[in-house]
C-alpha cells in the first residue's frame, strides 16, 4: 500500500493518463496525492537538462546550470489560470490528501528531490505525456529508479 503518491503534470493543466491513474490509486488506497506541476513554458530547461556540459571553440568546456526557481510567478498569466482551473478540478474524497507543488527547474532533479524529501512511496510517470521528450523520459526513469527509494509506476 502506498501512503504517498507523486505524479508529474505539465503546467498546461491537461490531465493525462498518469494523472488519472494517480487519482484512482490515491482514492482507492486513501493516500496522499502529491501533484508536482512542471513549468512547461520554460521548454529550454528540458532540452538543456539532457546535456549539462558543452564545448566551445578551441576546446574550452563549459557547464550549464539550471536555476532553482520554484515560484508560480514564473509562469505566464495564461498558464497560471490553466493551472488554477486544473487544481480546482481535482476531486478527491478527502481534499486534505491533495498536495500541489510547482517547479520550473531541471526535471530529473525536481522529481528526485521531491520524492526523497517527502518520503514518497510511489512515483507515477506517463509515457505519452506532452511535457517531455522521449529522451528526457528515458533519462528520468533511469534517474528515479536508480537514485530514489520510491517505487516507480510507468503508465502508457
N, C-alpha and C. Protein backbone atom coordinates (compact mmCIF):
# COMPACT_ATOMS: atom_id res chain seq x y z
N UNK A 1 0.84 -1.19 0.00
CA UNK A 1 0.00 0.00 0.00
C UNK A 1 0.88 1.24 0.00
N UNK A 2 0.56 2.18 -0.86
CA UNK A 2 1.30 3.43 -0.95
C UNK A 2 0.55 4.51 -0.17
N UNK A 3 1.25 5.14 0.76
CA UNK A 3 0.61 6.19 1.54
C UNK A 3 0.85 7.56 0.95
N UNK A 4 1.89 7.69 0.11
CA UNK A 4 2.19 8.96 -0.56
C UNK A 4 2.50 8.67 -2.02
N UNK A 5 1.70 9.28 -2.90
CA UNK A 5 1.84 9.07 -4.34
C UNK A 5 2.22 10.40 -4.99
N UNK A 6 3.22 10.37 -5.85
CA UNK A 6 3.66 11.56 -6.58
C UNK A 6 3.40 11.36 -8.06
N UNK A 7 2.78 12.36 -8.69
CA UNK A 7 2.58 12.34 -10.13
C UNK A 7 3.06 13.68 -10.69
N UNK A 8 3.69 13.61 -11.84
CA UNK A 8 4.22 14.78 -12.52
C UNK A 8 3.24 15.23 -13.59
N UNK A 9 2.92 16.52 -13.59
CA UNK A 9 1.95 17.08 -14.54
C UNK A 9 2.57 18.33 -15.16
N UNK A 10 2.29 18.57 -16.44
CA UNK A 10 2.77 19.78 -17.10
C UNK A 10 1.93 20.98 -16.72
N UNK A 11 2.50 22.18 -16.88
CA UNK A 11 1.79 23.40 -16.49
C UNK A 11 0.70 23.79 -17.47
N UNK A 12 0.50 23.00 -18.53
CA UNK A 12 -0.62 23.28 -19.42
C UNK A 12 -1.95 22.87 -18.79
N UNK A 13 -1.87 22.18 -17.64
CA UNK A 13 -3.07 21.83 -16.89
C UNK A 13 -3.90 20.73 -17.51
N UNK A 14 -3.33 19.99 -18.44
CA UNK A 14 -4.08 18.91 -19.08
C UNK A 14 -3.81 17.60 -18.36
N UNK A 15 -4.80 17.06 -17.68
CA UNK A 15 -4.57 15.77 -17.04
C UNK A 15 -4.42 14.69 -18.09
N UNK A 16 -3.41 13.89 -17.93
CA UNK A 16 -3.17 12.82 -18.88
C UNK A 16 -3.26 11.49 -18.14
N UNK A 17 -2.87 10.41 -18.79
CA UNK A 17 -3.06 9.06 -18.25
C UNK A 17 -2.45 8.86 -16.87
N UNK A 18 -1.23 9.33 -16.67
CA UNK A 18 -0.56 9.14 -15.38
C UNK A 18 -1.33 9.84 -14.26
N UNK A 19 -1.83 11.03 -14.54
CA UNK A 19 -2.58 11.77 -13.53
C UNK A 19 -3.87 11.03 -13.17
N UNK A 20 -4.59 10.57 -14.18
CA UNK A 20 -5.84 9.85 -13.92
C UNK A 20 -5.58 8.61 -13.05
N UNK A 21 -4.52 7.89 -13.36
CA UNK A 21 -4.17 6.69 -12.59
C UNK A 21 -3.78 7.06 -11.16
N UNK A 22 -3.07 8.16 -11.00
CA UNK A 22 -2.66 8.60 -9.66
C UNK A 22 -3.88 8.94 -8.81
N UNK A 23 -4.85 9.62 -9.38
CA UNK A 23 -6.08 9.96 -8.65
C UNK A 23 -6.81 8.68 -8.27
N UNK A 24 -6.92 7.76 -9.21
CA UNK A 24 -7.60 6.48 -8.96
C UNK A 24 -6.93 5.72 -7.80
N UNK A 25 -5.61 5.63 -7.83
CA UNK A 25 -4.89 4.91 -6.76
C UNK A 25 -4.99 5.63 -5.42
N UNK A 26 -4.90 6.95 -5.45
CA UNK A 26 -4.98 7.72 -4.21
C UNK A 26 -6.35 7.53 -3.55
N UNK A 27 -7.40 7.51 -4.35
CA UNK A 27 -8.74 7.29 -3.82
C UNK A 27 -8.88 5.87 -3.27
N UNK A 28 -8.40 4.92 -4.03
CA UNK A 28 -8.53 3.51 -3.63
C UNK A 28 -7.78 3.22 -2.34
N UNK A 29 -6.58 3.76 -2.21
CA UNK A 29 -5.73 3.46 -1.06
C UNK A 29 -5.78 4.53 0.03
N UNK A 30 -6.62 5.55 -0.16
CA UNK A 30 -6.74 6.65 0.81
C UNK A 30 -5.36 7.28 1.07
N UNK A 31 -4.62 7.50 -0.01
CA UNK A 31 -3.25 8.01 0.07
C UNK A 31 -3.20 9.51 -0.14
N UNK A 32 -2.09 10.11 0.29
CA UNK A 32 -1.81 11.50 -0.06
C UNK A 32 -1.45 11.52 -1.53
N UNK A 33 -2.00 12.48 -2.27
CA UNK A 33 -1.66 12.64 -3.68
C UNK A 33 -0.85 13.92 -3.83
N UNK A 34 0.40 13.75 -4.20
CA UNK A 34 1.30 14.88 -4.43
C UNK A 34 1.35 15.13 -5.93
N UNK A 35 0.88 16.29 -6.36
CA UNK A 35 0.90 16.66 -7.77
C UNK A 35 2.02 17.67 -7.96
N UNK A 36 3.03 17.29 -8.71
CA UNK A 36 4.16 18.17 -8.99
C UNK A 36 3.94 18.76 -10.38
N UNK A 37 3.65 20.05 -10.43
CA UNK A 37 3.36 20.72 -11.69
C UNK A 37 4.64 21.33 -12.23
N UNK A 38 5.05 20.86 -13.40
CA UNK A 38 6.30 21.32 -14.02
C UNK A 38 6.00 22.42 -15.02
N UNK A 39 6.74 23.52 -14.93
CA UNK A 39 6.54 24.66 -15.81
C UNK A 39 7.03 24.34 -17.22
N UNK A 40 6.12 23.97 -18.08
CA UNK A 40 6.49 23.63 -19.46
C UNK A 40 6.66 24.87 -20.32
N UNK A 41 6.43 26.06 -19.78
CA UNK A 41 6.68 27.27 -20.56
C UNK A 41 8.17 27.53 -20.67
N UNK A 42 8.95 26.88 -19.82
CA UNK A 42 10.40 27.01 -19.91
C UNK A 42 10.96 25.80 -20.65
N UNK A 43 10.54 25.63 -21.91
CA UNK A 43 10.90 24.47 -22.71
C UNK A 43 12.41 24.28 -22.81
N UNK A 44 13.14 25.40 -22.80
CA UNK A 44 14.59 25.27 -22.94
C UNK A 44 15.20 24.51 -21.77
N UNK A 45 14.57 24.52 -20.60
CA UNK A 45 15.09 23.76 -19.46
C UNK A 45 15.12 22.27 -19.77
N UNK A 46 14.10 21.78 -20.44
CA UNK A 46 14.04 20.36 -20.76
C UNK A 46 15.19 19.99 -21.68
N UNK A 47 15.41 20.78 -22.72
CA UNK A 47 16.49 20.49 -23.65
C UNK A 47 17.86 20.64 -23.00
N UNK A 48 18.05 21.66 -22.18
CA UNK A 48 19.34 21.89 -21.55
C UNK A 48 19.67 20.82 -20.53
N UNK A 49 18.67 20.27 -19.88
CA UNK A 49 18.93 19.28 -18.84
C UNK A 49 19.59 18.03 -19.41
N UNK A 50 19.29 17.70 -20.65
CA UNK A 50 19.83 16.49 -21.25
C UNK A 50 21.34 16.53 -21.39
N UNK A 51 21.89 17.70 -21.65
CA UNK A 51 23.33 17.81 -21.81
C UNK A 51 23.81 18.96 -20.94
N UNK A 52 24.36 18.64 -19.80
CA UNK A 52 24.76 19.68 -18.87
C UNK A 52 26.17 20.19 -19.16
N UNK A 53 26.85 19.58 -20.10
CA UNK A 53 28.17 20.07 -20.50
C UNK A 53 28.14 20.39 -21.98
N UNK A 54 28.92 21.37 -22.36
CA UNK A 54 29.01 21.73 -23.76
C UNK A 54 30.44 22.14 -24.06
N UNK A 55 30.82 22.11 -25.33
CA UNK A 55 32.17 22.54 -25.68
C UNK A 55 32.10 23.79 -26.55
N UNK A 56 33.07 24.63 -26.35
CA UNK A 56 33.18 25.87 -27.11
C UNK A 56 34.33 25.70 -28.10
N UNK A 57 34.49 26.68 -28.94
CA UNK A 57 35.61 26.64 -29.88
C UNK A 57 36.93 26.56 -29.12
N UNK A 58 37.94 26.07 -29.76
CA UNK A 58 39.28 25.95 -29.20
C UNK A 58 39.34 25.01 -28.01
N UNK A 59 38.40 24.07 -27.90
CA UNK A 59 38.48 23.05 -26.86
C UNK A 59 38.05 23.48 -25.47
N UNK A 60 37.55 24.69 -25.30
CA UNK A 60 37.09 25.12 -23.99
C UNK A 60 35.80 24.37 -23.64
N UNK A 61 35.68 24.01 -22.38
CA UNK A 61 34.49 23.29 -21.93
C UNK A 61 33.68 24.21 -21.01
N UNK A 62 32.41 23.98 -20.94
CA UNK A 62 31.56 24.75 -20.05
C UNK A 62 30.50 23.86 -19.45
N UNK A 63 29.78 24.38 -18.50
CA UNK A 63 28.72 23.61 -17.86
C UNK A 63 27.48 24.49 -17.75
N UNK A 64 26.35 23.92 -18.10
CA UNK A 64 25.09 24.64 -17.99
C UNK A 64 24.54 24.46 -16.59
N UNK A 65 24.00 25.51 -16.05
CA UNK A 65 23.39 25.40 -14.73
C UNK A 65 21.92 25.76 -14.84
N UNK A 66 21.12 25.06 -14.09
CA UNK A 66 19.68 25.28 -14.12
C UNK A 66 19.28 26.14 -12.92
N UNK A 67 18.46 27.14 -13.12
CA UNK A 67 18.05 27.98 -11.99
C UNK A 67 17.11 27.20 -11.06
N UNK A 68 17.28 27.39 -9.78
CA UNK A 68 16.39 26.77 -8.80
C UNK A 68 15.22 27.71 -8.52
N UNK A 69 14.37 27.84 -9.49
CA UNK A 69 13.22 28.74 -9.38
C UNK A 69 11.99 27.88 -9.19
N UNK A 70 11.28 28.07 -8.09
CA UNK A 70 10.12 27.23 -7.83
C UNK A 70 8.87 28.07 -7.58
N UNK A 71 8.82 29.25 -8.13
CA UNK A 71 7.71 30.14 -7.84
C UNK A 71 6.68 30.10 -8.96
N UNK A 72 5.43 30.10 -8.57
CA UNK A 72 4.37 30.09 -9.57
C UNK A 72 4.39 31.37 -10.40
N UNK A 73 4.96 32.44 -9.85
CA UNK A 73 5.02 33.70 -10.57
C UNK A 73 5.84 33.60 -11.85
N UNK A 74 6.67 32.56 -11.96
CA UNK A 74 7.46 32.37 -13.17
C UNK A 74 6.59 31.95 -14.35
N UNK A 75 5.42 31.47 -14.08
CA UNK A 75 4.52 31.05 -15.15
C UNK A 75 3.84 32.28 -15.73
N UNK A 76 3.57 32.26 -17.02
CA UNK A 76 2.85 33.39 -17.58
C UNK A 76 1.40 33.36 -17.11
N UNK A 77 0.71 34.46 -17.29
CA UNK A 77 -0.64 34.60 -16.75
C UNK A 77 -1.60 33.54 -17.29
N UNK A 78 -1.47 33.22 -18.56
CA UNK A 78 -2.35 32.21 -19.15
C UNK A 78 -2.17 30.85 -18.48
N UNK A 79 -0.92 30.47 -18.27
CA UNK A 79 -0.66 29.19 -17.61
C UNK A 79 -1.13 29.20 -16.17
N UNK A 80 -1.00 30.33 -15.49
CA UNK A 80 -1.47 30.41 -14.11
C UNK A 80 -2.97 30.13 -14.04
N UNK A 81 -3.72 30.69 -14.97
CA UNK A 81 -5.17 30.47 -15.00
C UNK A 81 -5.48 29.00 -15.28
N UNK A 82 -4.77 28.40 -16.24
CA UNK A 82 -4.98 26.98 -16.56
C UNK A 82 -4.67 26.09 -15.36
N UNK A 83 -3.58 26.41 -14.67
CA UNK A 83 -3.19 25.61 -13.52
C UNK A 83 -4.20 25.73 -12.40
N UNK A 84 -4.66 26.95 -12.11
CA UNK A 84 -5.66 27.14 -11.05
C UNK A 84 -6.94 26.37 -11.37
N UNK A 85 -7.35 26.41 -12.64
CA UNK A 85 -8.54 25.67 -13.06
C UNK A 85 -8.32 24.16 -12.91
N UNK A 86 -7.15 23.70 -13.33
CA UNK A 86 -6.81 22.28 -13.23
C UNK A 86 -6.81 21.82 -11.77
N UNK A 87 -6.15 22.58 -10.90
CA UNK A 87 -6.06 22.21 -9.48
C UNK A 87 -7.44 22.19 -8.84
N UNK A 88 -8.27 23.18 -9.17
CA UNK A 88 -9.61 23.22 -8.58
C UNK A 88 -10.50 22.08 -9.10
N UNK A 89 -10.13 21.50 -10.24
CA UNK A 89 -10.94 20.40 -10.80
C UNK A 89 -10.58 19.04 -10.21
N UNK A 90 -9.50 18.97 -9.43
CA UNK A 90 -9.09 17.69 -8.84
C UNK A 90 -10.06 17.36 -7.71
N UNK A 91 -10.75 16.27 -7.87
CA UNK A 91 -11.74 15.87 -6.88
C UNK A 91 -11.28 14.62 -6.14
N UNK A 92 -10.90 14.81 -4.90
CA UNK A 92 -10.59 13.69 -4.02
C UNK A 92 -11.64 13.67 -2.92
N UNK A 93 -11.99 12.49 -2.46
CA UNK A 93 -12.99 12.41 -1.39
C UNK A 93 -12.49 13.10 -0.13
N UNK A 94 -11.17 13.11 0.07
CA UNK A 94 -10.57 13.83 1.20
C UNK A 94 -9.61 14.88 0.65
N UNK A 95 -10.06 16.14 0.50
CA UNK A 95 -9.22 17.18 -0.09
C UNK A 95 -7.93 17.44 0.69
N UNK A 96 -7.89 17.06 1.97
CA UNK A 96 -6.67 17.24 2.76
C UNK A 96 -5.55 16.34 2.26
N UNK A 97 -5.88 15.33 1.47
CA UNK A 97 -4.87 14.42 0.94
C UNK A 97 -4.24 14.91 -0.36
N UNK A 98 -4.59 16.13 -0.79
CA UNK A 98 -4.05 16.68 -2.03
C UNK A 98 -2.98 17.72 -1.70
N UNK A 99 -1.78 17.50 -2.21
CA UNK A 99 -0.68 18.45 -2.03
C UNK A 99 -0.18 18.81 -3.41
N UNK A 100 -0.22 20.11 -3.74
CA UNK A 100 0.20 20.58 -5.06
C UNK A 100 1.46 21.42 -4.90
N UNK A 101 2.46 21.13 -5.72
CA UNK A 101 3.71 21.89 -5.71
C UNK A 101 4.06 22.27 -7.14
N UNK A 102 4.84 23.33 -7.26
CA UNK A 102 5.22 23.85 -8.57
C UNK A 102 6.73 23.83 -8.69
N UNK A 103 7.22 23.53 -9.88
CA UNK A 103 8.66 23.50 -10.10
C UNK A 103 8.96 23.96 -11.52
N UNK A 104 10.08 24.66 -11.68
CA UNK A 104 10.44 25.11 -13.02
C UNK A 104 11.94 24.95 -13.29
N UNK A 105 12.56 24.04 -12.57
CA UNK A 105 13.97 23.77 -12.84
C UNK A 105 14.12 22.33 -13.31
N UNK A 106 15.33 21.84 -13.45
CA UNK A 106 15.62 20.52 -14.01
C UNK A 106 14.66 19.43 -13.58
N UNK A 107 14.05 18.80 -14.54
CA UNK A 107 13.01 17.81 -14.32
C UNK A 107 13.48 16.63 -13.46
N UNK A 108 14.60 16.04 -13.81
CA UNK A 108 15.11 14.88 -13.05
C UNK A 108 15.40 15.26 -11.61
N UNK A 109 16.07 16.37 -11.44
CA UNK A 109 16.44 16.84 -10.10
C UNK A 109 15.18 17.15 -9.28
N UNK A 110 14.20 17.77 -9.91
CA UNK A 110 12.98 18.15 -9.22
C UNK A 110 12.22 16.93 -8.71
N UNK A 111 12.04 15.94 -9.58
CA UNK A 111 11.29 14.74 -9.19
C UNK A 111 12.03 13.98 -8.09
N UNK A 112 13.33 13.80 -8.28
CA UNK A 112 14.13 13.06 -7.30
C UNK A 112 14.15 13.77 -5.94
N UNK A 113 14.42 15.07 -5.94
CA UNK A 113 14.45 15.82 -4.68
C UNK A 113 13.11 15.76 -3.96
N UNK A 114 12.04 15.96 -4.71
CA UNK A 114 10.71 15.95 -4.10
C UNK A 114 10.40 14.57 -3.51
N UNK A 115 10.65 13.53 -4.29
CA UNK A 115 10.36 12.17 -3.83
C UNK A 115 11.15 11.83 -2.57
N UNK A 116 12.40 12.21 -2.53
CA UNK A 116 13.23 11.91 -1.36
C UNK A 116 12.87 12.77 -0.15
N UNK A 117 12.64 14.06 -0.36
CA UNK A 117 12.32 14.97 0.75
C UNK A 117 10.97 14.64 1.39
N UNK A 118 10.01 14.24 0.59
CA UNK A 118 8.65 13.98 1.09
C UNK A 118 8.41 12.51 1.40
N UNK A 119 9.43 11.67 1.28
CA UNK A 119 9.31 10.22 1.54
C UNK A 119 8.16 9.61 0.73
N UNK A 120 8.17 9.88 -0.56
CA UNK A 120 7.14 9.38 -1.47
C UNK A 120 7.30 7.87 -1.65
N UNK A 121 6.19 7.15 -1.55
CA UNK A 121 6.20 5.69 -1.72
C UNK A 121 6.15 5.27 -3.19
N UNK A 122 5.39 6.03 -4.00
CA UNK A 122 5.16 5.65 -5.39
C UNK A 122 5.23 6.88 -6.28
N UNK A 123 6.08 6.83 -7.30
CA UNK A 123 6.16 7.88 -8.31
C UNK A 123 5.50 7.33 -9.57
N UNK A 124 4.54 8.09 -10.11
CA UNK A 124 3.84 7.67 -11.33
C UNK A 124 4.23 8.61 -12.46
N UNK A 125 4.72 8.03 -13.55
CA UNK A 125 5.11 8.80 -14.74
C UNK A 125 4.35 8.26 -15.94
N UNK A 126 3.91 9.16 -16.80
CA UNK A 126 3.21 8.75 -18.01
C UNK A 126 4.13 8.76 -19.21
N UNK A 127 4.12 7.68 -19.97
CA UNK A 127 5.00 7.55 -21.12
C UNK A 127 4.61 8.50 -22.25
N UNK A 128 3.35 8.77 -22.42
CA UNK A 128 2.90 9.58 -23.54
C UNK A 128 2.61 11.03 -23.16
N UNK A 129 3.12 11.49 -22.04
CA UNK A 129 2.86 12.87 -21.61
C UNK A 129 3.54 13.85 -22.56
N UNK A 130 2.96 15.04 -22.67
CA UNK A 130 3.49 16.04 -23.60
C UNK A 130 4.59 16.89 -22.97
N UNK A 131 4.84 16.75 -21.69
CA UNK A 131 5.77 17.67 -21.05
C UNK A 131 7.23 17.30 -21.21
N UNK A 132 7.53 16.16 -21.79
CA UNK A 132 8.93 15.83 -22.02
C UNK A 132 9.10 15.03 -23.31
N UNK A 133 10.33 15.05 -23.79
CA UNK A 133 10.66 14.29 -24.99
C UNK A 133 10.92 12.84 -24.61
N UNK A 134 11.02 11.98 -25.58
CA UNK A 134 11.30 10.56 -25.33
C UNK A 134 12.64 10.39 -24.62
N UNK A 135 13.64 11.16 -25.05
CA UNK A 135 14.97 11.10 -24.44
C UNK A 135 14.91 11.53 -22.98
N UNK A 136 14.20 12.60 -22.71
CA UNK A 136 14.06 13.08 -21.33
C UNK A 136 13.34 12.04 -20.48
N UNK A 137 12.30 11.42 -21.04
CA UNK A 137 11.53 10.43 -20.30
C UNK A 137 12.38 9.23 -19.92
N UNK A 138 13.13 8.70 -20.87
CA UNK A 138 14.01 7.56 -20.59
C UNK A 138 15.03 7.90 -19.52
N UNK A 139 15.59 9.08 -19.62
CA UNK A 139 16.59 9.53 -18.65
C UNK A 139 15.96 9.71 -17.27
N UNK A 140 14.74 10.25 -17.24
CA UNK A 140 14.03 10.46 -15.98
C UNK A 140 13.73 9.13 -15.29
N UNK A 141 13.30 8.14 -16.05
CA UNK A 141 13.02 6.81 -15.48
C UNK A 141 14.27 6.24 -14.83
N UNK A 142 15.37 6.26 -15.55
CA UNK A 142 16.63 5.72 -15.01
C UNK A 142 17.06 6.46 -13.76
N UNK A 143 16.93 7.77 -13.80
CA UNK A 143 17.36 8.60 -12.67
C UNK A 143 16.55 8.29 -11.42
N UNK A 144 15.24 8.25 -11.55
CA UNK A 144 14.36 7.98 -10.40
C UNK A 144 14.56 6.54 -9.91
N UNK A 145 14.63 5.60 -10.84
CA UNK A 145 14.79 4.19 -10.46
C UNK A 145 16.10 3.94 -9.73
N UNK A 146 17.16 4.59 -10.17
CA UNK A 146 18.48 4.35 -9.57
C UNK A 146 18.76 5.16 -8.31
N UNK A 147 18.12 6.31 -8.16
CA UNK A 147 18.52 7.21 -7.07
C UNK A 147 17.42 7.49 -6.06
N UNK A 148 16.31 6.81 -6.15
CA UNK A 148 15.21 7.04 -5.22
C UNK A 148 14.79 5.73 -4.57
N UNK A 149 14.31 5.84 -3.35
CA UNK A 149 13.79 4.66 -2.65
C UNK A 149 12.33 4.40 -3.04
N UNK A 150 11.74 5.31 -3.79
CA UNK A 150 10.33 5.20 -4.18
C UNK A 150 10.14 4.11 -5.23
N UNK A 151 8.96 3.48 -5.19
CA UNK A 151 8.56 2.59 -6.28
C UNK A 151 8.21 3.46 -7.47
N UNK A 152 8.29 2.89 -8.66
CA UNK A 152 8.05 3.65 -9.88
C UNK A 152 7.01 2.92 -10.72
N UNK A 153 5.97 3.64 -11.14
CA UNK A 153 4.93 3.08 -11.99
C UNK A 153 4.90 3.88 -13.29
N UNK A 154 5.06 3.19 -14.41
CA UNK A 154 5.04 3.83 -15.72
C UNK A 154 3.70 3.52 -16.37
N UNK A 155 3.01 4.57 -16.81
CA UNK A 155 1.70 4.42 -17.44
C UNK A 155 1.85 4.72 -18.93
N UNK A 156 1.36 3.79 -19.77
CA UNK A 156 1.40 4.01 -21.23
C UNK A 156 0.23 4.85 -21.65
